[in-house]
Amino acid sequence: MKNFNYKVYYTYRQSFPKIKGSKEKLVKKNINLSFDSEPSEYEIEDKVKEWINSLQREVMSDIDTNIEFAEIVKVQKLKVVKGIDDVSSTGW
């Protein structure tokens, strides 16, 4: 069982390269993550980047949208919540 659960608020840049005149926009989202041991800021950021990269590969490329990680806004430790422990098995 994962003992360290976090809600991570992050931003990413979204663009639509095939739409003429479209502007890049900054999108704020959140994700629940879980870890076996207390993670460092780097480990949390790395997992969010991995999540965004998997979204880009598996979903956004099909609809001609580019997304790129911008920053971690806030990290909130949760008491009892299920989080994503393996980004590759999320089914996106």
PDB file of N, CA and C in Angstrom:
ATOM      1  N   MET A   1       0.838  -1.183   0.000  1.00  0.00           N
ATOM      2  CA  MET A   1       0.000   0.000   0.000  1.00  0.00           C
ATOM      3  C   MET A   1       0.882   1.246   0.000  1.00  0.00           C
ATOM      4  N   LYS A   2       0.484   2.230  -0.772  1.00  0.00           N
ATOM      5  CA  LYS A   2       1.210   3.500  -0.848  1.00  0.00           C
ATOM      6  C   LYS A   2       0.822   4.353   0.352  1.00  0.00           C
ATOM      7  N   ASN A   3       1.844   4.832   1.074  1.00  0.00           N
ATOM      8  CA  ASN A   3       1.592   5.585   2.292  1.00  0.00           C
ATOM      9  C   ASN A   3       1.716   7.089   2.135  1.00  0.00           C
ATOM     10  N   PHE A   4       2.258   7.542   1.022  1.00  0.00           N
ATOM     11  CA  PHE A   4       2.476   8.967   0.826  1.00  0.00           C
ATOM     12  C   PHE A   4       1.675   9.429  -0.384  1.00  0.00           C
ATOM     13  N   ASN A   5       0.571  10.108  -0.121  1.00  0.00           N
ATOM     14  CA  ASN A   5      -0.353  10.545  -1.169  1.00  0.00           C
ATOM     15  C   ASN A   5      -0.373  12.068  -1.237  1.00  0.00           C
ATOM     16  N   TYR A   6      -0.356  12.580  -2.469  1.00  0.00           N
ATOM     17  CA  TYR A   6      -0.289  14.018  -2.679  1.00  0.00           C
ATOM     18  C   TYR A   6      -1.256  14.449  -3.764  1.00  0.00           C
ATOM     19  N   LYS A   7      -1.798  15.648  -3.612  1.00  0.00           N
ATOM     20  CA  LYS A   7      -2.515  16.312  -4.698  1.00  0.00           C
ATOM     21  C   LYS A   7      -1.553  17.384  -5.188  1.00  0.00           C
ATOM     22  N   VAL A   8      -1.213  17.295  -6.470  1.00  0.00           N
ATOM     23  CA  VAL A   8      -0.231  18.199  -7.051  1.00  0.00           C
ATOM     24  C   VAL A   8      -0.941  19.099  -8.063  1.00  0.00           C
ATOM     25  N   TYR A   9      -0.846  20.390  -7.847  1.00  0.00           N
ATOM     26  CA  TYR A   9      -1.381  21.379  -8.771  1.00  0.00           C
ATOM     27  C   TYR A   9      -0.229  21.812  -9.674  1.00  0.00           C
ATOM     28  N   TYR A  10      -0.459  21.765 -10.986  1.00  0.00           N
ATOM     29  CA  TYR A  10       0.613  22.080 -11.927  1.00  0.00           C
ATOM     30  C   TYR A  10       0.038  22.830 -13.120  1.00  0.00           C
ATOM     31  N   THR A  11       0.921  23.416 -13.901  1.00  0.00           N
ATOM     32  CA  THR A  11       0.503  24.091 -15.126  1.00  0.00           C
ATOM     33  C   THR A  11       1.257  23.505 -16.304  1.00  0.00           C
ATOM     34  N   TYR A  12       0.614  23.587 -17.455  1.00  0.00           N
ATOM     35  CA  TYR A  12       1.280  23.211 -18.695  1.00  0.00           C
ATOM     36  C   TYR A  12       0.858  24.163 -19.802  1.00  0.00           C
ATOM     37  N   ARG A  13       1.724  24.241 -20.822  1.00  0.00           N
ATOM     38  CA  ARG A  13       1.423  25.077 -21.985  1.00  0.00           C
ATOM     39  C   ARG A  13       0.759  24.214 -23.045  1.00  0.00           C
ATOM     40  N   GLN A  14      -0.295  24.726 -23.639  1.00  0.00           N
ATOM     41  CA  GLN A  14      -1.028  23.992 -24.667  1.00  0.00           C
ATOM     42  C   GLN A  14      -1.069  24.834 -25.932  1.00  0.00           C
ATOM     43  N   SER A  15      -0.747  24.194 -27.057  1.00  0.00           N
ATOM     44  CA  SER A  15      -0.792  24.902 -28.335  1.00  0.00           C
ATOM     45  C   SER A  15      -1.428  24.014 -29.394  1.00  0.00           C
ATOM     46  N   PHE A  16      -1.918  24.657 -30.412  1.00  0.00           N
ATOM     47  CA  PHE A  16      -2.566  23.974 -31.530  1.00  0.00           C
ATOM     48  C   PHE A  16      -1.824  24.358 -32.810  1.00  0.00           C
ATOM     49  N   PRO A  17      -0.744  23.645 -33.147  1.00  0.00           N
ATOM     50  CA  PRO A  17       0.123  24.067 -34.244  1.00  0.00           C
ATOM     51  C   PRO A  17      -0.537  24.098 -35.619  1.00  0.00           C
ATOM     52  N   LYS A  18      -1.576  23.323 -35.858  1.00  0.00           N
ATOM     53  CA  LYS A  18      -2.195  23.282 -37.179  1.00  0.00           C
ATOM     54  C   LYS A  18      -3.300  24.314 -37.359  1.00  0.00           C
ATOM     55  N   ILE A  19      -3.636  25.038 -36.297  1.00  0.00           N
ATOM     56  CA  ILE A  19      -4.673  26.070 -36.398  1.00  0.00           C
ATOM     57  C   ILE A  19      -3.981  27.421 -36.532  1.00  0.00           C
ATOM     58  N   LYS A  20      -4.191  28.047 -37.665  1.00  0.00           N
ATOM     59  CA  LYS A  20      -3.552  29.330 -37.945  1.00  0.00           C
ATOM     60  C   LYS A  20      -4.053  30.394 -36.975  1.00  0.00           C
ATOM     61  N   GLY A  21      -3.129  31.147 -36.416  1.00  0.00           N
ATOM     62  CA  GLY A  21      -3.497  32.237 -35.518  1.00  0.00           C
ATOM     63  C   GLY A  21      -3.806  31.814 -34.094  1.00  0.00           C
ATOM     64  N   SER A  22      -3.728  30.525 -33.797  1.00  0.00           N
ATOM     65  CA  SER A  22      -4.019  30.091 -32.424  1.00  0.00           C
ATOM     66  C   SER A  22      -2.864  30.478 -31.510  1.00  0.00           C
ATOM     67  N   LYS A  23      -3.190  30.805 -30.291  1.00  0.00           N
ATOM     68  CA  LYS A  23      -2.185  31.219 -29.324  1.00  0.00           C
ATOM     69  C   LYS A  23      -1.977  30.124 -28.296  1.00  0.00           C
ATOM     70  N   GLU A  24      -0.747  30.069 -27.786  1.00  0.00           N
ATOM     71  CA  GLU A  24      -0.433  29.131 -26.721  1.00  0.00           C
ATOM     72  C   GLU A  24      -1.129  29.598 -25.448  1.00  0.00           C
ATOM     73  N   LYS A  25      -1.690  28.647 -24.693  1.00  0.00           N
ATOM     74  CA  LYS A  25      -2.325  29.042 -23.438  1.00  0.00           C
ATOM     75  C   LYS A  25      -1.766  28.217 -22.289  1.00  0.00           C
ATOM     76  N   LEU A  26      -1.822  28.787 -21.106  1.00  0.00           N
ATOM     77  CA  LEU A  26      -1.350  28.131 -19.898  1.00  0.00           C
ATOM     78  C   LEU A  26      -2.551  27.512 -19.202  1.00  0.00           C
ATOM     79  N   VAL A  27      -2.477  26.206 -18.929  1.00  0.00           N
ATOM     80  CA  VAL A  27      -3.587  25.471 -18.328  1.00  0.00           C
ATOM     81  C   VAL A  27      -3.165  24.995 -16.939  1.00  0.00           C
ATOM     82  N   LYS A  28      -4.045  25.178 -15.946  1.00  0.00           N
ATOM     83  CA  LYS A  28      -3.780  24.723 -14.584  1.00  0.00           C
ATOM     84  C   LYS A  28      -4.621  23.487 -14.314  1.00  0.00           C
ATOM     85  N   LYS A  29      -3.980  22.421 -13.844  1.00  0.00           N
ATOM     86  CA  LYS A  29      -4.653  21.155 -13.533  1.00  0.00           C
ATOM     87  C   LYS A  29      -4.113  20.610 -12.219  1.00  0.00           C
ATOM     88  N   ASN A  30      -4.692  19.490 -11.782  1.00  0.00           N
ATOM     89  CA  ASN A  30      -4.151  18.797 -10.618  1.00  0.00           C
ATOM     90  C   ASN A  30      -4.227  17.297 -10.840  1.00  0.00           C
ATOM     91  N   ILE A  31      -3.432  16.574 -10.081  1.00  0.00           N
ATOM     92  CA  ILE A  31      -3.370  15.126 -10.183  1.00  0.00           C
ATOM     93  C   ILE A  31      -3.060  14.574  -8.795  1.00  0.00           C
ATOM     94  N   ASN A  32      -3.619  13.410  -8.478  1.00  0.00           N
ATOM     95  CA  ASN A  32      -3.286  12.720  -7.239  1.00  0.00           C
ATOM     96  C   ASN A  32      -2.183  11.709  -7.532  1.00  0.00           C
ATOM     97  N   LEU A  33      -1.131  11.741  -6.722  1.00  0.00           N
ATOM     98  CA  LEU A  33      -0.005  10.822  -6.883  1.00  0.00           C
ATOM     99  C   LEU A  33       0.256  10.108  -5.567  1.00  0.00           C
ATOM    100  N   SER A  34       0.779   8.895  -5.660  1.00  0.00           N
ATOM    101  CA  SER A  34       1.140   8.167  -4.444  1.00  0.00           C
ATOM    102  C   SER A  34       2.552   7.615  -4.585  1.00  0.00           C
ATOM    103  N   PHE A  35       3.228   7.502  -3.443  1.00  0.00           N
ATOM    104  CA  PHE A  35       4.610   7.059  -3.395  1.00  0.00           C
ATOM    105  C   PHE A  35       4.776   6.067  -2.243  1.00  0.00           C
ATOM    106  N   ASP A  36       5.760   5.192  -2.369  1.00  0.00           N
ATOM    107  CA  ASP A  36       6.080   4.231  -1.301  1.00  0.00           C
ATOM    108  C   ASP A  36       6.805   4.897  -0.144  1.00  0.00           C
ATOM    109  N   SER A  37       7.623   5.902  -0.454  1.00  0.00           N
ATOM    110  CA  SER A  37       8.368   6.609   0.580  1.00  0.00           C
ATOM    111  C   SER A  37       8.230   8.109   0.343  1.00  0.00           C
ATOM    112  N   GLU A  38       8.626   8.890   1.320  1.00  0.00           N
ATOM    113  CA  GLU A  38       8.511  10.350   1.232  1.00  0.00           C
ATOM    114  C   GLU A  38       9.284  10.846   0.005  1.00  0.00           C
ATOM    115  N   PRO A  39       8.596  11.460  -0.966  1.00  0.00           N
ATOM    116  CA  PRO A  39       9.281  11.900  -2.189  1.00  0.00           C
ATOM    117  C   PRO A  39       9.929  13.277  -2.036  1.00  0.00           C
ATOM    118  N   SER A  40      10.957  13.502  -2.830  1.00  0.00           N
ATOM    119  CA  SER A  40      11.556  14.832  -2.899  1.00  0.00           C
ATOM    120  C   SER A  40      10.754  15.670  -3.892  1.00  0.00           C
ATOM    121  N   GLU A  41      11.010  16.964  -3.921  1.00  0.00           N
ATOM    122  CA  GLU A  41      10.340  17.831  -4.889  1.00  0.00           C
ATOM    123  C   GLU A  41      10.658  17.375  -6.309  1.00  0.00           C
ATOM    124  N   TYR A  42      11.897  16.951  -6.521  1.00  0.00           N
ATOM    125  CA  TYR A  42      12.321  16.473  -7.833  1.00  0.00           C
ATOM    126  C   TYR A  42      11.515  15.241  -8.258  1.00  0.00           C
ATOM    127  N   GLU A  43      11.293  14.297  -7.339  1.00  0.00           N
ATOM    128  CA  GLU A  43      10.539  13.078  -7.661  1.00  0.00           C
ATOM    129  C   GLU A  43       9.081  13.401  -8.012  1.00  0.00           C
ATOM    130  N   ILE A  44       8.496  14.343  -7.295  1.00  0.00           N
ATOM    131  CA  ILE A  44       7.115  14.755  -7.582  1.00  0.00           C
ATOM    132  C   ILE A  44       7.050  15.403  -8.956  1.00  0.00           C
ATOM    133  N   GLU A  45       7.956  16.331  -9.227  1.00  0.00           N
ATOM    134  CA  GLU A  45       7.979  17.008 -10.519  1.00  0.00           C
ATOM    135  C   GLU A  45       8.238  16.016 -11.651  1.00  0.00           C
ATOM    136  N   ASP A  46       9.130  15.068 -11.430  1.00  0.00           N
ATOM    137  CA  ASP A  46       9.449  14.064 -12.436  1.00  0.00           C
ATOM    138  C   ASP A  46       8.217  13.217 -12.787  1.00  0.00           C
ATOM    139  N   LYS A  47       7.435  12.862 -11.779  1.00  0.00           N
ATOM    140  CA  LYS A  47       6.231  12.058 -12.020  1.00  0.00           C
ATOM    141  C   LYS A  47       5.170  12.862 -12.781  1.00  0.00           C
ATOM    142  N   VAL A  48       5.050  14.149 -12.479  1.00  0.00           N
ATOM    143  CA  VAL A  48       4.104  15.000 -13.205  1.00  0.00           C
ATOM    144  C   VAL A  48       4.552  15.150 -14.655  1.00  0.00           C
ATOM    145  N   LYS A  49       5.849  15.357 -14.879  1.00  0.00           N
ATOM    146  CA  LYS A  49       6.371  15.459 -16.244  1.00  0.00           C
ATOM    147  C   LYS A  49       6.120  14.167 -17.014  1.00  0.00           C
ATOM    148  N   GLU A  50       6.315  13.036 -16.353  1.00  0.00           N
ATOM    149  CA  GLU A  50       6.068  11.736 -16.985  1.00  0.00           C
ATOM    150  C   GLU A  50       4.587  11.612 -17.374  1.00  0.00           C
ATOM    151  N   TRP A  51       3.692  12.083 -16.506  1.00  0.00           N
ATOM    152  CA  TRP A  51       2.256  12.061 -16.764  1.00  0.00           C
ATOM    153  C   TRP A  51       1.923  12.908 -17.990  1.00  0.00           C
ATOM    154  N   ILE A  52       2.462  14.117 -18.047  1.00  0.00           N
ATOM    155  CA  ILE A  52       2.198  15.010 -19.176  1.00  0.00           C
ATOM    156  C   ILE A  52       2.763  14.436 -20.466  1.00  0.00           C
ATOM    157  N   ASN A  53       3.954  13.869 -20.414  1.00  0.00           N
ATOM    158  CA  ASN A  53       4.548  13.249 -21.602  1.00  0.00           C
ATOM    159  C   ASN A  53       3.705  12.090 -22.107  1.00  0.00           C
ATOM    160  N   SER A  54       3.151  11.295 -21.192  1.00  0.00           N
ATOM    161  CA  SER A  54       2.298  10.179 -21.617  1.00  0.00           C
ATOM    162  C   SER A  54       0.999  10.698 -22.233  1.00  0.00           C
ATOM    163  N   LEU A  55       0.450  11.785 -21.696  1.00  0.00           N
ATOM    164  CA  LEU A  55      -0.739  12.398 -22.302  1.00  0.00           C
ATOM    165  C   LEU A  55      -0.430  12.888 -23.718  1.00  0.00           C
ATOM    166  N   GLN A  56       0.733  13.517 -23.873  1.00  0.00           N
ATOM    167  CA  GLN A  56       1.120  14.025 -25.192  1.00  0.00           C
ATOM    168  C   GLN A  56       1.241  12.880 -26.197  1.00  0.00           C
ATOM    169  N   ARG A  57       1.901  11.816 -25.790  1.00  0.00           N
ATOM    170  CA  ARG A  57       2.115  10.669 -26.695  1.00  0.00           C
ATOM    171  C   ARG A  57       0.817   9.956 -27.039  1.00  0.00           C
ATOM    172  N   GLU A  58      -0.019   9.709 -26.039  1.00  0.00           N
ATOM    173  CA  GLU A  58      -1.153   8.816 -26.225  1.00  0.00           C
ATOM    174  C   GLU A  58      -2.467   9.505 -26.577  1.00  0.00           C
ATOM    175  N   VAL A  59      -2.625  10.774 -26.225  1.00  0.00           N
ATOM    176  CA  VAL A  59      -3.913  11.439 -26.440  1.00  0.00           C
ATOM    177  C   VAL A  59      -3.784  12.675 -27.325  1.00  0.00           C
ATOM    178  N   MET A  60      -2.949  13.596 -26.915  1.00  0.00           N
ATOM    179  CA  MET A  60      -2.899  14.902 -27.569  1.00  0.00           C
ATOM    180  C   MET A  60      -2.367  14.830 -28.996  1.00  0.00           C
ATOM    181  N   SER A  61      -1.455  13.926 -29.279  1.00  0.00           N
ATOM    182  CA  SER A  61      -0.921  13.832 -30.638  1.00  0.00           C
ATOM    183  C   SER A  61      -2.016  13.426 -31.627  1.00  0.00           C
ATOM    184  N   ASP A  62      -3.001  12.671 -31.158  1.00  0.00           N
ATOM    185  CA  ASP A  62      -4.115  12.263 -32.025  1.00  0.00           C
ATOM    186  C   ASP A  62      -5.012  13.435 -32.406  1.00  0.00           C
ATOM    187  N   ILE A  63      -5.066  14.456 -31.572  1.00  0.00           N
ATOM    188  CA  ILE A  63      -5.940  15.597 -31.865  1.00  0.00           C
ATOM    189  C   ILE A  63      -5.134  16.848 -32.228  1.00  0.00           C
ATOM    190  N   ASP A  64      -3.890  16.651 -32.637  1.00  0.00           N
ATOM    191  CA  ASP A  64      -3.017  17.742 -33.092  1.00  0.00           C
ATOM    192  C   ASP A  64      -2.887  18.875 -32.081  1.00  0.00           C
ATOM    193  N   THR A  65      -2.635  18.505 -30.849  1.00  0.00           N
ATOM    194  CA  THR A  65      -2.410  19.458 -29.770  1.00  0.00           C
ATOM    195  C   THR A  65      -1.072  19.145 -29.120  1.00  0.00           C
ATOM    196  N   ASN A  66      -0.308  20.173 -28.828  1.00  0.00           N
ATOM    197  CA  ASN A  66       0.959  19.990 -28.121  1.00  0.00           C
ATOM    198  C   ASN A  66       0.813  20.499 -26.696  1.00  0.00           C
ATOM    199  N   ILE A  67       1.299  19.718 -25.732  1.00  0.00           N
ATOM    200  CA  ILE A  67       1.329  20.182 -24.345  1.00  0.00           C
ATOM    201  C   ILE A  67       2.743  20.008 -23.819  1.00  0.00           C
ATOM    202  N   GLU A  68       3.128  20.934 -22.946  1.00  0.00           N
ATOM    203  CA  GLU A  68       4.463  20.935 -22.379  1.00  0.00           C
ATOM    204  C   GLU A  68       4.394  21.400 -20.930  1.00  0.00           C
ATOM    205  N   PHE A  69       5.027  20.667 -20.026  1.00  0.00           N
ATOM    206  CA  PHE A  69       5.045  21.006 -18.609  1.00  0.00           C
ATOM    207  C   PHE A  69       5.560  22.419 -18.405  1.00  0.00           C
ATOM    208  N   ALA A  70       4.925  23.170 -17.494  1.00  0.00           N
ATOM    209  CA  ALA A  70       5.380  24.524 -17.163  1.00  0.00           C
ATOM    210  C   ALA A  70       5.965  24.551 -15.743  1.00  0.00           C
ATOM    211  N   GLU A  71       5.124  24.262 -14.721  1.00  0.00           N
ATOM    212  CA  GLU A  71       5.634  24.301 -13.354  1.00  0.00           C
ATOM    213  C   GLU A  71       4.674  23.638 -12.371  1.00  0.00           C
ATOM    214  N   ILE A  72       5.219  23.301 -11.211  1.00  0.00           N
ATOM    215  CA  ILE A  72       4.417  22.830 -10.084  1.00  0.00           C
ATOM    216  C   ILE A  72       3.954  24.086  -9.341  1.00  0.00           C
ATOM    217  N   VAL A  73       2.663  24.202  -9.124  1.00  0.00           N
ATOM    218  CA  VAL A  73       2.116  25.368  -8.445  1.00  0.00           C
ATOM    219  C   VAL A  73       2.057  25.124  -6.939  1.00  0.00           C
ATOM    220  N   LYS A  74       1.526  23.950  -6.562  1.00  0.00           N
ATOM    221  CA  LYS A  74       1.345  23.653  -5.143  1.00  0.00           C
ATOM    222  C   LYS A  74       1.297  22.143  -4.961  1.00  0.00           C
ATOM    223  N   VAL A  75       1.831  21.665  -3.842  1.00  0.00           N
ATOM    224  CA  VAL A  75       1.767  20.254  -3.490  1.00  0.00           C
ATOM    225  C   VAL A  75       1.082  20.146  -2.142  1.00  0.00           C
ATOM    226  N   GLN A  76       0.031  19.338  -2.091  1.00  0.00           N
ATOM    227  CA  GLN A  76      -0.748  19.187  -0.863  1.00  0.00           C
ATOM    228  C   GLN A  76      -0.701  17.716  -0.450  1.00  0.00           C
ATOM    229  N   LYS A  77      -0.250  17.446   0.774  1.00  0.00           N
ATOM    230  CA  LYS A  77      -0.209  16.077   1.268  1.00  0.00           C
ATOM    231  C   LYS A  77      -1.612  15.651   1.673  1.00  0.00           C
ATOM    232  N   LEU A  78      -2.013  14.466   1.231  1.00  0.00           N
ATOM    233  CA  LEU A  78      -3.342  13.946   1.517  1.00  0.00           C
ATOM    234  C   LEU A  78      -3.256  12.846   2.569  1.00  0.00           C
ATOM    235  N   LYS A  79      -4.333  12.651   3.291  1.00  0.00           N
ATOM    236  CA  LYS A  79      -4.338  11.614   4.323  1.00  0.00           C
ATOM    237  C   LYS A  79      -4.660  10.250   3.743  1.00  0.00           C
ATOM    238  N   VAL A  80      -5.844  10.055   3.189  1.00  0.00           N
ATOM    239  CA  VAL A  80      -6.216   8.756   2.641  1.00  0.00           C
ATOM    240  C   VAL A  80      -6.859   8.970   1.274  1.00  0.00           C
ATOM    241  N   VAL A  81      -6.095   8.734   0.227  1.00  0.00           N
ATOM    242  CA  VAL A  81      -6.578   8.896  -1.137  1.00  0.00           C
ATOM    243  C   VAL A  81      -5.784   7.953  -2.026  1.00  0.00           C
ATOM    244  N   LYS A  82      -6.427   7.393  -3.006  1.00  0.00           N
ATOM    245  CA  LYS A  82      -5.695   6.592  -3.973  1.00  0.00           C
ATOM    246  C   LYS A  82      -5.114   7.524  -5.015  1.00  0.00           C
ATOM    247  N   GLY A  83      -3.852   7.341  -5.313  1.00  0.00           N
ATOM    248  CA  GLY A  83      -3.194   8.147  -6.328  1.00  0.00           C
ATOM    249  C   GLY A  83      -2.628   7.260  -7.414  1.00  0.00           C
ATOM    250  N   ILE A  84      -2.133   7.865  -8.450  1.00  0.00           N
ATOM    251  CA  ILE A  84      -1.515   7.109  -9.537  1.00  0.00           C
ATOM    252  C   ILE A  84      -0.131   6.688  -9.096  1.00  0.00           C
ATOM    253  N   ASP A  85       0.146   5.386  -9.121  1.00  0.00           N
ATOM    254  CA  ASP A  85       1.476   4.934  -8.756  1.00  0.00           C
ATOM    255  C   ASP A  85       2.275   4.520  -9.978  1.00  0.00           C
ATOM    256  N   ASP A  86       1.628   4.221 -11.084  1.00  0.00           N
ATOM    257  CA  ASP A  86       2.340   3.892 -12.305  1.00  0.00           C
ATOM    258  C   ASP A  86       1.657   4.611 -13.450  1.00  0.00           C
ATOM    259  N   VAL A  87       2.279   5.650 -13.955  1.00  0.00           N
ATOM    260  CA  VAL A  87       1.676   6.494 -14.978  1.00  0.00           C
ATOM    261  C   VAL A  87       1.396   5.688 -16.243  1.00  0.00           C
ATOM    262  N   SER A  88       2.218   4.714 -16.551  1.00  0.00           N
ATOM    263  CA  SER A  88       2.041   3.949 -17.785  1.00  0.00           C
ATOM    264  C   SER A  88       0.802   3.046 -17.757  1.00  0.00           C
ATOM    265  N   SER A  89       0.243   2.791 -16.589  1.00  0.00           N
ATOM    266  CA  SER A  89      -0.915   1.903 -16.503  1.00  0.00           C
ATOM    267  C   SER A  89      -2.221   2.645 -16.250  1.00  0.00           C
ATOM    268  N   THR A  90      -2.265   3.935 -16.560  1.00  0.00           N
ATOM    269  CA  THR A  90      -3.455   4.721 -16.263  1.00  0.00           C
ATOM    270  C   THR A  90      -4.574   4.529 -17.266  1.00  0.00           C
ATOM    271  N   GLY A  91      -4.288   3.972 -18.415  1.00  0.00           N
ATOM    272  CA  GLY A  91      -5.328   3.705 -19.381  1.00  0.00           C
ATOM    273  C   GLY A  91      -5.676   4.882 -20.268  1.00  0.00           C
ATOM    274  N   TRP A  92      -4.886   5.935 -20.248  1.00  0.00           N
ATOM    275  CA  TRP A  92      -5.135   7.055 -21.155  1.00  0.00           C
ATOM    276  C   TRP A  92      -4.829   6.558 -22.506  1.00  0.00           C
TER     277      TRP A  92
END
